[in-house]
Amino acid sequence: MIDIQNASERPGSGQLQIVRQLQSHNKVRDASDAPDSPSYIRDRTPLKKGQISSRDLRDEFRRDPSLSILLSDDVFIKAVRKGIEEGVYIYKRGDLLAGPGDPIPTIKIDEETMIFTMEFAKNKGIWPRPAPAPAAQPAAVGGGAAVVTGPTPTGGGDFPPVGPSPEAVAGERPQPQLAGAKVFTAEGVLKEALRRVIEQAKTAKLDKVDRIVIRLFEYGDAFKLVPIANTVAGAKRGVRLEGSFMTAQDSTFEFEFNGTAQDASTMKDYLEPQFRAAKETDLKASISFDFDAGLALDGDAADKFVEKLTRYASAAAYVEATAEVK
C-alpha cells in the first residue's frame, strides 16, 4: 500500500503522482530509468536455464509481478546492453554474436534473437568465438589454375548470396564465383574484418585483390554504409538489399533491390525513415566493390579504402568481408 500525501499540482493529472511513487519504489520504469541488474533478471526469469528469445524475456516483465513494469522497450534494451557489457549475457541474432568487449549491436526484440547466459554459452561452445581458420592455400589443378580448398563463405543459413555484379539489373541473381578465384573471409567489426581479409591476401603473397564484398547484419549499418560506398572511386559498386517491414498499423512491405550503389542511395532515402517507424523490420544487405585495376596491397591504397569506409560506419557494423583474386 502506498500513501500519497500531496495532491497533484495540476488537477486532473493525479496519475502523475502515482507513477512517480511507483517509480520511486522501482515498480515502474520508463525510458529515463536505469534497468534492473542483469543478474537479477537472469535469476528471476526462465533465462536462468541458459537461453531465451529476446521477445520471451521482454514478455516476462508483463507476467512476473516481481519484475518492474516497463513503460518503454528502451528500458529492456538498456538491460540487455548492460548484461552484454558486464559479461552476464551473450547476444545472438543469426550470424551476429556479441559479448563483453564487443561493440554493442542494435538490440532486436523478436523470436529469432537469443539471449544466453555466459555459463551456458561457454558450455555450448558459443562463447568465446571459435578462432578463425587460417587462410586456405589453393591447390594446383590441371594447367595451374587455383581452387579454394576451404569452405566457400555463405554468410549463414538465411543470408543473401554474395553481392551482385554491378552490371546486374534488378531481380537477377549474382553469377557464381570464377573457378580460379582465391577467397579470404573474416567476420567482425567492419574495420577489423576488412584488415584481416587484406592481411590474409598479403600472407598468400598476392599483389592485389579484384573484389571485396561486405555483408551487413543490421539495417542501421547498411543504410549508413551505402552512401559512403557510393563515393569510393576506382571500383564498380554493387548493392543487394532484401528485406521487409511492418508498419504501426500492421501493414507489411517486402522488397528486393539488386543494382548500383548510386540507385541504392536513392532507395535508402526512402527506406530508412520507414524502418525507423516500423514495428518489425528485417534486412539482409551486401555491398560489392569490383576494382577496375585491382586494389593494390603493397602501398597505402588498401589502408585508404578501409579508412574511407570505416570513418563514419565502424561503431557496430558486424560484417563478413570476402576478397577474391582472379
C-alpha atoms as a PDB file:
ATOM      1  CA  MET A   1       0.000   0.000   0.000  1.00  0.00           C
ATOM      2  CA  ILE A   2       1.362   3.428  -0.967  1.00  0.00           C
ATOM      3  CA  ASP A   3       0.125   6.529   0.804  1.00  0.00           C
ATOM      4  CA  ILE A   4       0.279   9.731  -1.275  1.00  0.00           C
ATOM      5  CA  GLN A   5       0.251  12.774   0.994  1.00  0.00           C
ATOM      6  CA  ASN A   6       0.158  15.576  -1.561  1.00  0.00           C
ATOM      7  CA  ALA A   7      -2.369  16.213  -4.298  1.00  0.00           C
ATOM      8  CA  SER A   8      -1.282  16.861  -7.825  1.00  0.00           C
ATOM      9  CA  GLU A   9      -0.142  20.380  -8.656  1.00  0.00           C
ATOM     10  CA  ARG A  10      -2.321  20.121 -11.752  1.00  0.00           C
ATOM     11  CA  PRO A  11      -5.885  18.974 -11.012  1.00  0.00           C
ATOM     12  CA  GLY A  12      -6.892  16.194 -13.354  1.00  0.00           C
ATOM     13  CA  SER A  13      -3.325  14.872 -13.609  1.00  0.00           C
ATOM     14  CA  GLY A  14      -3.269  12.904 -10.373  1.00  0.00           C
ATOM     15  CA  GLN A  15      -1.941   9.812 -12.158  1.00  0.00           C
ATOM     16  CA  LEU A  16       1.455  11.523 -12.346  1.00  0.00           C
ATOM     17  CA  GLN A  17       1.796  11.253  -8.564  1.00  0.00           C
ATOM     18  CA  ILE A  18       1.003   7.562  -8.748  1.00  0.00           C
ATOM     19  CA  VAL A  19       3.568   6.960 -11.488  1.00  0.00           C
ATOM     20  CA  ARG A  20       6.221   8.902  -9.556  1.00  0.00           C
ATOM     21  CA  GLN A  21       5.573   6.888  -6.419  1.00  0.00           C
ATOM     22  CA  LEU A  22       5.731   3.614  -8.320  1.00  0.00           C
ATOM     23  CA  GLN A  23       8.965   4.724  -9.974  1.00  0.00           C
ATOM     24  CA  SER A  24      10.484   5.640  -6.615  1.00  0.00           C
ATOM     25  CA  HIS A  25       9.733   2.062  -5.457  1.00  0.00           C
ATOM     26  CA  ASN A  26      11.205   0.600  -8.692  1.00  0.00           C
ATOM     27  CA  LYS A  27       7.830  -0.869  -9.631  1.00  0.00           C
ATOM     28  CA  VAL A  28       7.553   1.151 -12.848  1.00  0.00           C
ATOM     29  CA  ARG A  29      10.389   2.166 -15.134  1.00  0.00           C
ATOM     30  CA  ASP A  30      10.312   4.448 -18.165  1.00  0.00           C
ATOM     31  CA  ALA A  31      12.949   5.235 -20.788  1.00  0.00           C
ATOM     32  CA  SER A  32      14.823   7.566 -18.428  1.00  0.00           C
ATOM     33  CA  ASP A  33      15.181   4.975 -15.636  1.00  0.00           C
ATOM     34  CA  ALA A  34      18.027   2.540 -15.080  1.00  0.00           C
ATOM     35  CA  PRO A  35      17.069  -1.119 -15.626  1.00  0.00           C
ATOM     36  CA  ASP A  36      17.127  -3.983 -13.128  1.00  0.00           C
ATOM     37  CA  SER A  37      20.528  -5.623 -12.788  1.00  0.00           C
ATOM     38  CA  PRO A  38      21.236  -8.258 -15.463  1.00  0.00           C
ATOM     39  CA  SER A  39      21.943 -10.943 -12.850  1.00  0.00           C
ATOM     40  CA  TYR A  40      18.617 -10.242 -11.108  1.00  0.00           C
ATOM     41  CA  ILE A  41      16.743 -10.553 -14.415  1.00  0.00           C
ATOM     42  CA  ARG A  42      18.631 -13.769 -15.183  1.00  0.00           C
ATOM     43  CA  ASP A  43      17.781 -15.352 -11.822  1.00  0.00           C
ATOM     44  CA  ARG A  44      14.102 -14.254 -11.833  1.00  0.00           C
ATOM     45  CA  THR A  45      13.238 -15.449 -15.358  1.00  0.00           C
ATOM     46  CA  PRO A  46      13.490 -18.632 -17.454  1.00  0.00           C
ATOM     47  CA  LEU A  47      16.838 -17.238 -18.656  1.00  0.00           C
ATOM     48  CA  LYS A  48      18.353 -18.990 -15.618  1.00  0.00           C
ATOM     49  CA  LYS A  49      18.013 -22.221 -17.659  1.00  0.00           C
ATOM     50  CA  GLY A  50      20.569 -20.815 -20.074  1.00  0.00           C
ATOM     51  CA  GLN A  51      18.751 -19.320 -23.045  1.00  0.00           C
ATOM     52  CA  ILE A  52      15.601 -17.470 -24.068  1.00  0.00           C
ATOM     53  CA  SER A  53      14.474 -15.371 -27.016  1.00  0.00           C
ATOM     54  CA  SER A  54      14.579 -11.617 -26.510  1.00  0.00           C
ATOM     55  CA  ARG A  55      10.806 -11.398 -27.069  1.00  0.00           C
ATOM     56  CA  ASP A  56      10.047 -14.038 -24.440  1.00  0.00           C
ATOM     57  CA  LEU A  57      12.414 -12.348 -21.997  1.00  0.00           C
ATOM     58  CA  ARG A  58      10.714  -8.993 -22.554  1.00  0.00           C
ATOM     59  CA  ASP A  59       7.313 -10.625 -22.053  1.00  0.00           C
ATOM     60  CA  GLU A  60       8.412 -11.910 -18.635  1.00  0.00           C
ATOM     61  CA  PHE A  61       8.169  -8.307 -17.434  1.00  0.00           C
ATOM     62  CA  ARG A  62       4.457  -8.471 -18.273  1.00  0.00           C
ATOM     63  CA  ARG A  63       3.929 -11.769 -16.436  1.00  0.00           C
ATOM     64  CA  ASP A  64       6.036 -11.688 -13.277  1.00  0.00           C
ATOM     65  CA  PRO A  65       4.893  -9.141 -10.635  1.00  0.00           C
ATOM     66  CA  SER A  66       8.326  -9.259  -9.007  1.00  0.00           C
ATOM     67  CA  LEU A  67       9.784  -7.579 -12.104  1.00  0.00           C
ATOM     68  CA  SER A  68       9.304  -3.915 -12.915  1.00  0.00           C
ATOM     69  CA  ILE A  69       6.535  -2.710 -15.209  1.00  0.00           C
ATOM     70  CA  LEU A  70       8.280  -1.368 -18.311  1.00  0.00           C
ATOM     71  CA  LEU A  71       6.636   1.680 -19.853  1.00  0.00           C
ATOM     72  CA  SER A  72       9.084   1.509 -22.762  1.00  0.00           C
ATOM     73  CA  ASP A  73      11.145  -1.174 -24.521  1.00  0.00           C
ATOM     74  CA  ASP A  74      14.087   1.209 -24.146  1.00  0.00           C
ATOM     75  CA  VAL A  75      14.491   0.068 -20.538  1.00  0.00           C
ATOM     76  CA  PHE A  76      14.619  -3.574 -21.597  1.00  0.00           C
ATOM     77  CA  ILE A  77      17.179  -2.774 -24.305  1.00  0.00           C
ATOM     78  CA  LYS A  78      19.305  -0.996 -21.682  1.00  0.00           C
ATOM     79  CA  ALA A  79      19.169  -4.119 -19.524  1.00  0.00           C
ATOM     80  CA  VAL A  80      20.330  -6.369 -22.382  1.00  0.00           C
ATOM     81  CA  ARG A  81      23.148  -3.995 -23.289  1.00  0.00           C
ATOM     82  CA  LYS A  82      24.243  -3.819 -19.673  1.00  0.00           C
ATOM     83  CA  GLY A  83      24.197  -7.610 -19.443  1.00  0.00           C
ATOM     84  CA  ILE A  84      26.416  -7.889 -22.538  1.00  0.00           C
ATOM     85  CA  GLU A  85      28.868  -5.265 -21.272  1.00  0.00           C
ATOM     86  CA  GLU A  86      29.132  -6.890 -17.825  1.00  0.00           C
ATOM     87  CA  GLY A  87      29.637 -10.379 -19.236  1.00  0.00           C
ATOM     88  CA  VAL A  88      26.354 -11.750 -17.895  1.00  0.00           C
ATOM     89  CA  TYR A  89      24.654 -12.214 -21.292  1.00  0.00           C
ATOM     90  CA  ILE A  90      25.683 -13.289 -24.778  1.00  0.00           C
ATOM     91  CA  TYR A  91      23.535 -11.890 -27.602  1.00  0.00           C
ATOM     92  CA  LYS A  92      22.959 -13.819 -30.852  1.00  0.00           C
ATOM     93  CA  ARG A  93      20.856 -12.995 -33.895  1.00  0.00           C
ATOM     94  CA  GLY A  94      21.546 -15.047 -36.994  1.00  0.00           C
ATOM     95  CA  ASP A  95      25.297 -14.891 -37.586  1.00  0.00           C
ATOM     96  CA  LEU A  96      25.695 -11.864 -35.329  1.00  0.00           C
ATOM     97  CA  LEU A  97      27.246 -12.672 -31.951  1.00  0.00           C
ATOM     98  CA  ALA A  98      28.011 -10.064 -29.279  1.00  0.00           C
ATOM     99  CA  GLY A  99      29.649 -10.437 -25.882  1.00  0.00           C
ATOM    100  CA  PRO A 100      31.797  -8.454 -23.431  1.00  0.00           C
ATOM    101  CA  GLY A 101      34.317  -6.201 -25.162  1.00  0.00           C
ATOM    102  CA  ASP A 102      32.369  -6.091 -28.451  1.00  0.00           C
ATOM    103  CA  PRO A 103      30.658  -3.011 -29.877  1.00  0.00           C
ATOM    104  CA  ILE A 104      27.012  -3.275 -28.858  1.00  0.00           C
ATOM    105  CA  PRO A 105      24.744  -4.029 -31.860  1.00  0.00           C
ATOM    106  CA  THR A 106      21.185  -2.845 -32.344  1.00  0.00           C
ATOM    107  CA  ILE A 107      19.126  -4.934 -29.898  1.00  0.00           C
ATOM    108  CA  LYS A 108      16.188  -6.666 -31.587  1.00  0.00           C
ATOM    109  CA  ILE A 109      13.124  -7.949 -29.730  1.00  0.00           C
ATOM    110  CA  ASP A 110      11.816 -10.959 -31.643  1.00  0.00           C
ATOM    111  CA  GLU A 111      11.722 -14.754 -31.659  1.00  0.00           C
ATOM    112  CA  GLU A 112      14.897 -15.100 -33.756  1.00  0.00           C
ATOM    113  CA  THR A 113      17.106 -13.156 -31.343  1.00  0.00           C
ATOM    114  CA  MET A 114      18.519 -15.235 -28.490  1.00  0.00           C
ATOM    115  CA  ILE A 115      19.926 -14.212 -25.110  1.00  0.00           C
ATOM    116  CA  PHE A 116      22.291 -16.721 -23.473  1.00  0.00           C
ATOM    117  CA  THR A 117      23.810 -16.726 -20.010  1.00  0.00           C
ATOM    118  CA  MET A 118      27.586 -16.609 -20.067  1.00  0.00           C
ATOM    119  CA  GLU A 119      27.842 -20.038 -18.392  1.00  0.00           C
ATOM    120  CA  PHE A 120      25.502 -21.633 -20.946  1.00  0.00           C
ATOM    121  CA  ALA A 121      27.343 -20.002 -23.877  1.00  0.00           C
ATOM    122  CA  LYS A 122      30.704 -21.319 -22.634  1.00  0.00           C
ATOM    123  CA  ASN A 123      29.368 -24.825 -22.040  1.00  0.00           C
ATOM    124  CA  LYS A 124      27.861 -24.973 -25.535  1.00  0.00           C
ATOM    125  CA  GLY A 125      30.938 -23.562 -27.268  1.00  0.00           C
ATOM    126  CA  ILE A 126      29.105 -20.411 -28.340  1.00  0.00           C
ATOM    127  CA  TRP A 127      31.482 -18.108 -26.473  1.00  0.00           C
ATOM    128  CA  PRO A 128      34.308 -17.231 -26.829  1.00  0.00           C
ATOM    129  CA  ARG A 129      34.114 -17.198 -30.600  1.00  0.00           C
ATOM    130  CA  PRO A 130      35.987 -20.028 -32.278  1.00  0.00           C
ATOM    131  CA  ALA A 131      39.370 -18.906 -33.583  1.00  0.00           C
ATOM    132  CA  PRO A 132      39.222 -18.130 -37.317  1.00  0.00           C
ATOM    133  CA  ALA A 133      40.649 -20.852 -39.527  1.00  0.00           C
ATOM    134  CA  PRO A 134      43.891 -19.897 -41.310  1.00  0.00           C
ATOM    135  CA  ALA A 135      43.575 -18.854 -44.927  1.00  0.00           C
ATOM    136  CA  ALA A 136      43.293 -21.899 -47.144  1.00  0.00           C
ATOM    137  CA  GLN A 137      46.165 -22.473 -49.513  1.00  0.00           C
ATOM    138  CA  PRO A 138      44.897 -23.072 -53.054  1.00  0.00           C
ATOM    139  CA  ALA A 139      45.779 -26.358 -54.693  1.00  0.00           C
ATOM    140  CA  ALA A 140      47.040 -26.596 -58.257  1.00  0.00           C
ATOM    141  CA  VAL A 141      44.620 -28.147 -60.712  1.00  0.00           C
ATOM    142  CA  GLY A 142      45.229 -29.108 -64.332  1.00  0.00           C
ATOM    143  CA  GLY A 143      47.061 -26.293 -66.077  1.00  0.00           C
ATOM    144  CA  GLY A 144      47.889 -24.482 -62.850  1.00  0.00           C
ATOM    145  CA  ALA A 145      44.509 -22.940 -62.035  1.00  0.00           C
ATOM    146  CA  ALA A 146      43.880 -22.458 -58.331  1.00  0.00           C
ATOM    147  CA  VAL A 147      40.817 -23.612 -56.454  1.00  0.00           C
ATOM    148  CA  VAL A 148      39.714 -22.795 -52.921  1.00  0.00           C
ATOM    149  CA  THR A 149      40.443 -25.678 -50.550  1.00  0.00           C
ATOM    150  CA  GLY A 150      38.490 -24.221 -47.629  1.00  0.00           C
ATOM    151  CA  PRO A 151      34.718 -23.785 -47.351  1.00  0.00           C
ATOM    152  CA  THR A 152      33.130 -21.176 -49.555  1.00  0.00           C
ATOM    153  CA  PRO A 153      31.507 -18.483 -47.366  1.00  0.00           C
ATOM    154  CA  THR A 154      27.749 -18.351 -47.423  1.00  0.00           C
ATOM    155  CA  GLY A 155      27.087 -15.852 -44.633  1.00  0.00           C
ATOM    156  CA  GLY A 156      24.677 -18.084 -42.702  1.00  0.00           C
ATOM    157  CA  GLY A 157      21.513 -20.007 -43.431  1.00  0.00           C
ATOM    158  CA  ASP A 158      19.259 -17.077 -44.242  1.00  0.00           C
ATOM    159  CA  PHE A 159      21.826 -14.635 -45.549  1.00  0.00           C
ATOM    160  CA  PRO A 160      21.787 -13.450 -49.181  1.00  0.00           C
ATOM    161  CA  PRO A 161      24.325 -14.660 -51.730  1.00  0.00           C
ATOM    162  CA  VAL A 162      27.498 -12.670 -52.284  1.00  0.00           C
ATOM    163  CA  GLY A 163      26.674  -9.243 -53.708  1.00  0.00           C
ATOM    164  CA  PRO A 164      25.734  -8.836 -57.351  1.00  0.00           C
ATOM    165  CA  SER A 165      27.808  -7.785 -60.257  1.00  0.00           C
ATOM    166  CA  PRO A 166      27.387  -4.013 -60.591  1.00  0.00           C
ATOM    167  CA  GLU A 167      26.057  -4.516 -64.111  1.00  0.00           C
ATOM    168  CA  ALA A 168      23.236  -6.748 -62.822  1.00  0.00           C
ATOM    169  CA  VAL A 169      19.721  -5.491 -63.254  1.00  0.00           C
ATOM    170  CA  ALA A 170      17.097  -5.713 -60.539  1.00  0.00           C
ATOM    171  CA  GLY A 171      15.888  -9.245 -59.949  1.00  0.00           C
ATOM    172  CA  GLU A 172      18.932 -11.031 -61.389  1.00  0.00           C
ATOM    173  CA  ARG A 173      20.916 -13.390 -59.195  1.00  0.00           C
ATOM    174  CA  PRO A 174      24.688 -12.935 -58.842  1.00  0.00           C
ATOM    175  CA  GLN A 175      26.908 -15.085 -61.014  1.00  0.00           C
ATOM    176  CA  PRO A 176      28.894 -17.911 -59.359  1.00  0.00           C
ATOM    177  CA  GLN A 177      32.494 -17.302 -58.419  1.00  0.00           C
ATOM    178  CA  LEU A 178      35.169 -17.985 -61.004  1.00  0.00           C
ATOM    179  CA  ALA A 179      36.797 -21.385 -60.714  1.00  0.00           C
ATOM    180  CA  GLY A 180      40.257 -19.865 -60.312  1.00  0.00           C
ATOM    181  CA  ALA A 181      39.374 -17.359 -57.600  1.00  0.00           C
ATOM    182  CA  LYS A 182      41.091 -17.325 -54.216  1.00  0.00           C
ATOM    183  CA  VAL A 183      38.738 -16.407 -51.396  1.00  0.00           C
ATOM    184  CA  PHE A 184      39.542 -14.964 -47.967  1.00  0.00           C
ATOM    185  CA  THR A 185      36.911 -14.294 -45.324  1.00  0.00           C
ATOM    186  CA  ALA A 186      36.638 -12.567 -41.950  1.00  0.00           C
ATOM    187  CA  GLU A 187      33.798 -11.565 -39.670  1.00  0.00           C
ATOM    188  CA  GLY A 188      33.744  -8.869 -37.007  1.00  0.00           C
ATOM    189  CA  VAL A 189      33.703  -5.102 -36.651  1.00  0.00           C
ATOM    190  CA  LEU A 190      33.943  -3.533 -40.104  1.00  0.00           C
ATOM    191  CA  LYS A 191      37.478  -2.153 -39.839  1.00  0.00           C
ATOM    192  CA  GLU A 192      38.828  -5.298 -38.210  1.00  0.00           C
ATOM    193  CA  ALA A 193      37.194  -7.641 -40.734  1.00  0.00           C
ATOM    194  CA  LEU A 194      38.483  -5.682 -43.733  1.00  0.00           C
ATOM    195  CA  ARG A 195      42.021  -5.534 -42.355  1.00  0.00           C
ATOM    196  CA  ARG A 196      42.034  -9.249 -41.613  1.00  0.00           C
ATOM    197  CA  VAL A 197      40.964 -10.060 -45.163  1.00  0.00           C
ATOM    198  CA  ILE A 198      43.686  -7.835 -46.587  1.00  0.00           C
ATOM    199  CA  GLU A 199      46.304  -9.392 -44.289  1.00  0.00           C
ATOM    200  CA  GLN A 200      45.233 -12.869 -45.416  1.00  0.00           C
ATOM    201  CA  ALA A 201      45.678 -11.824 -49.042  1.00  0.00           C
ATOM    202  CA  LYS A 202      49.147 -10.407 -48.272  1.00  0.00           C
ATOM    203  CA  THR A 203      50.122 -13.609 -46.445  1.00  0.00           C
ATOM    204  CA  ALA A 204      49.155 -15.530 -49.587  1.00  0.00           C
ATOM    205  CA  LYS A 205      51.766 -13.438 -51.489  1.00  0.00           C
ATOM    206  CA  LEU A 206      49.205 -11.555 -53.567  1.00  0.00           C
ATOM    207  CA  ASP A 207      49.807  -8.103 -55.045  1.00  0.00           C
ATOM    208  CA  LYS A 208      46.161  -7.054 -55.321  1.00  0.00           C
ATOM    209  CA  VAL A 209      42.555  -8.098 -54.837  1.00  0.00           C
ATOM    210  CA  ASP A 210      39.943  -7.682 -57.543  1.00  0.00           C
ATOM    211  CA  ARG A 211      36.741  -7.817 -55.496  1.00  0.00           C
ATOM    212  CA  ILE A 212      35.593  -7.175 -51.931  1.00  0.00           C
ATOM    213  CA  VAL A 213      32.097  -7.938 -50.664  1.00  0.00           C
ATOM    214  CA  ILE A 214      30.742  -6.677 -47.354  1.00  0.00           C
ATOM    215  CA  ARG A 215      27.664  -8.254 -45.766  1.00  0.00           C
ATOM    216  CA  LEU A 216      25.834  -6.381 -43.049  1.00  0.00           C
ATOM    217  CA  PHE A 217      23.587  -7.694 -40.312  1.00  0.00           C
ATOM    218  CA  GLU A 218      21.771  -4.527 -39.127  1.00  0.00           C
ATOM    219  CA  TYR A 219      19.750  -2.062 -41.180  1.00  0.00           C
ATOM    220  CA  GLY A 220      21.317   0.921 -39.412  1.00  0.00           C
ATOM    221  CA  ASP A 221      24.785  -0.177 -40.537  1.00  0.00           C
ATOM    222  CA  ALA A 222      23.618  -0.876 -44.090  1.00  0.00           C
ATOM    223  CA  PHE A 223      21.877   2.475 -44.529  1.00  0.00           C
ATOM    224  CA  LYS A 224      24.928   4.244 -43.109  1.00  0.00           C
ATOM    225  CA  LEU A 225      27.404   2.452 -45.365  1.00  0.00           C
ATOM    226  CA  VAL A 226      25.570   2.571 -48.723  1.00  0.00           C
ATOM    227  CA  PRO A 227      26.085   6.322 -49.362  1.00  0.00           C
ATOM    228  CA  ILE A 228      29.725   6.044 -48.235  1.00  0.00           C
ATOM    229  CA  ALA A 229      30.287   3.126 -50.612  1.00  0.00           C
ATOM    230  CA  ASN A 230      28.908   5.244 -53.434  1.00  0.00           C
ATOM    231  CA  THR A 231      31.844   7.657 -53.017  1.00  0.00           C
ATOM    232  CA  VAL A 232      34.571   5.008 -53.444  1.00  0.00           C
ATOM    233  CA  ALA A 233      36.486   5.751 -56.639  1.00  0.00           C
ATOM    234  CA  GLY A 234      38.152   3.249 -58.934  1.00  0.00           C
ATOM    235  CA  ALA A 235      35.584   0.497 -58.400  1.00  0.00           C
ATOM    236  CA  LYS A 236      32.213  -0.617 -59.715  1.00  0.00           C
ATOM    237  CA  ARG A 237      29.912  -0.673 -56.708  1.00  0.00           C
ATOM    238  CA  GLY A 238      27.004  -3.108 -56.467  1.00  0.00           C
ATOM    239  CA  VAL A 239      24.387  -3.357 -53.719  1.00  0.00           C
ATOM    240  CA  ARG A 240      21.890  -6.066 -52.884  1.00  0.00           C
ATOM    241  CA  LEU A 241      19.081  -5.355 -50.395  1.00  0.00           C
ATOM    242  CA  GLU A 242      16.414  -7.851 -49.415  1.00  0.00           C
ATOM    243  CA  GLY A 243      14.005  -7.157 -46.592  1.00  0.00           C
ATOM    244  CA  SER A 244      10.617  -6.291 -45.183  1.00  0.00           C
ATOM    245  CA  PHE A 245       8.975  -4.158 -42.519  1.00  0.00           C
ATOM    246  CA  MET A 246       5.651  -3.941 -40.701  1.00  0.00           C
ATOM    247  CA  THR A 247       4.120  -0.528 -40.087  1.00  0.00           C
ATOM    248  CA  ALA A 248       2.499   0.625 -36.852  1.00  0.00           C
ATOM    249  CA  GLN A 249      -0.861  -0.252 -38.453  1.00  0.00           C
ATOM    250  CA  ASP A 250       0.321  -3.824 -39.187  1.00  0.00           C
ATOM    251  CA  SER A 251       0.708  -3.243 -42.930  1.00  0.00           C
ATOM    252  CA  THR A 252       3.608  -5.188 -44.454  1.00  0.00           C
ATOM    253  CA  PHE A 253       6.036  -4.256 -47.204  1.00  0.00           C
ATOM    254  CA  GLU A 254       8.568  -6.614 -48.831  1.00  0.00           C
ATOM    255  CA  PHE A 255      11.258  -5.625 -51.306  1.00  0.00           C
ATOM    256  CA  GLU A 256      14.340  -6.809 -53.163  1.00  0.00           C
ATOM    257  CA  PHE A 257      16.889  -4.485 -54.740  1.00  0.00           C
ATOM    258  CA  ASN A 258      19.844  -5.568 -56.872  1.00  0.00           C
ATOM    259  CA  GLY A 259      21.797  -2.826 -58.615  1.00  0.00           C
ATOM    260  CA  THR A 260      24.234   0.063 -58.317  1.00  0.00           C
ATOM    261  CA  ALA A 261      25.253   1.915 -55.163  1.00  0.00           C
ATOM    262  CA  GLN A 262      24.000   5.175 -56.663  1.00  0.00           C
ATOM    263  CA  ASP A 263      20.477   3.794 -57.074  1.00  0.00           C
ATOM    264  CA  ALA A 264      20.718   2.119 -53.678  1.00  0.00           C
ATOM    265  CA  SER A 265      21.391   5.510 -52.068  1.00  0.00           C
ATOM    266  CA  THR A 266      18.099   6.771 -53.509  1.00  0.00           C
ATOM    267  CA  MET A 267      16.280   3.697 -52.175  1.00  0.00           C
ATOM    268  CA  LYS A 268      17.929   4.176 -48.786  1.00  0.00           C
ATOM    269  CA  ASP A 269      16.498   7.713 -48.503  1.00  0.00           C
ATOM    270  CA  TYR A 270      13.004   6.224 -48.727  1.00  0.00           C
ATOM    271  CA  LEU A 271      13.562   3.054 -46.680  1.00  0.00           C
ATOM    272  CA  GLU A 272      15.454   4.466 -43.698  1.00  0.00           C
ATOM    273  CA  PRO A 273      12.578   6.522 -42.195  1.00  0.00           C
ATOM    274  CA  GLN A 274      10.185   3.616 -42.864  1.00  0.00           C
ATOM    275  CA  PHE A 275      12.427   1.232 -40.933  1.00  0.00           C
ATOM    276  CA  ARG A 276      12.775   3.658 -38.042  1.00  0.00           C
ATOM    277  CA  ALA A 277       9.000   3.981 -37.694  1.00  0.00           C
ATOM    278  CA  ALA A 278       8.242   0.295 -38.304  1.00  0.00           C
ATOM    279  CA  LYS A 279       7.020  -2.136 -35.682  1.00  0.00           C
ATOM    280  CA  GLU A 280       9.106  -5.002 -37.092  1.00  0.00           C
ATOM    281  CA  THR A 281      11.987  -4.951 -39.560  1.00  0.00           C
ATOM    282  CA  ASP A 282      14.232  -7.369 -41.423  1.00  0.00           C
ATOM    283  CA  LEU A 283      17.042  -6.539 -43.826  1.00  0.00           C
ATOM    284  CA  LYS A 284      19.828  -8.532 -45.447  1.00  0.00           C
ATOM    285  CA  ALA A 285      22.378  -6.438 -47.283  1.00  0.00           C
ATOM    286  CA  SER A 286      25.607  -6.876 -49.207  1.00  0.00           C
ATOM    287  CA  ILE A 287      27.838  -4.306 -50.899  1.00  0.00           C
ATOM    288  CA  SER A 288      30.386  -5.340 -53.535  1.00  0.00           C
ATOM    289  CA  PHE A 289      33.390  -3.474 -54.935  1.00  0.00           C
ATOM    290  CA  ASP A 290      34.879  -4.620 -58.248  1.00  0.00           C
ATOM    291  CA  PHE A 291      38.129  -2.687 -58.680  1.00  0.00           C
ATOM    292  CA  ASP A 292      38.931  -1.592 -62.226  1.00  0.00           C
ATOM    293  CA  ALA A 293      42.662  -2.325 -61.922  1.00  0.00           C
ATOM    294  CA  GLY A 294      42.587  -4.274 -58.677  1.00  0.00           C
ATOM    295  CA  LEU A 295      43.142  -2.945 -55.141  1.00  0.00           C
ATOM    296  CA  ALA A 296      46.921  -2.847 -54.662  1.00  0.00           C
ATOM    297  CA  LEU A 297      48.179  -4.319 -51.389  1.00  0.00           C
ATOM    298  CA  ASP A 298      51.787  -3.108 -51.458  1.00  0.00           C
ATOM    299  CA  GLY A 299      51.108   0.632 -50.996  1.00  0.00           C
ATOM    300  CA  ASP A 300      48.581   2.630 -48.973  1.00  0.00           C
ATOM    301  CA  ALA A 301      45.617   2.101 -51.330  1.00  0.00           C
ATOM    302  CA  ALA A 302      44.145  -0.684 -49.197  1.00  0.00           C
ATOM    303  CA  ASP A 303      44.523   1.368 -45.993  1.00  0.00           C
ATOM    304  CA  LYS A 304      42.811   4.356 -47.620  1.00  0.00           C
ATOM    305  CA  PHE A 305      39.957   2.123 -48.779  1.00  0.00           C
ATOM    306  CA  VAL A 306      39.429   0.767 -45.260  1.00  0.00           C
ATOM    307  CA  GLU A 307      39.677   4.221 -43.709  1.00  0.00           C
ATOM    308  CA  LYS A 308      37.164   5.707 -46.129  1.00  0.00           C
ATOM    309  CA  LEU A 309      34.579   3.026 -45.407  1.00  0.00           C
ATOM    310  CA  THR A 310      35.020   2.943 -41.645  1.00  0.00           C
ATOM    311  CA  ARG A 311      35.460   6.617 -40.787  1.00  0.00           C
ATOM    312  CA  TYR A 312      31.732   7.057 -40.179  1.00  0.00           C
ATOM    313  CA  ALA A 313      30.464   3.457 -40.136  1.00  0.00           C
ATOM    314  CA  SER A 314      32.506   1.433 -37.668  1.00  0.00           C
ATOM    315  CA  ALA A 315      30.525   1.579 -34.415  1.00  0.00           C
ATOM    316  CA  ALA A 316      28.657  -1.725 -34.508  1.00  0.00           C
ATOM    317  CA  ALA A 317      28.955  -2.814 -38.131  1.00  0.00           C
ATOM    318  CA  TYR A 318      29.420  -6.552 -37.924  1.00  0.00           C
ATOM    319  CA  VAL A 319      30.283  -7.798 -41.394  1.00  0.00           C
ATOM    320  CA  GLU A 320      31.556 -10.693 -43.393  1.00  0.00           C
ATOM    321  CA  ALA A 321      34.100  -9.462 -45.930  1.00  0.00           C
ATOM    322  CA  THR A 322      35.260 -11.516 -48.899  1.00  0.00           C
ATOM    323  CA  ALA A 323      38.191 -10.727 -51.161  1.00  0.00           C
ATOM    324  CA  GLU A 324      38.554 -12.547 -54.471  1.00  0.00           C
ATOM    325  CA  VAL A 325      41.595 -12.630 -56.720  1.00  0.00           C
ATOM    326  CA  LYS A 326      41.017 -13.927 -60.247  1.00  0.00           C
END
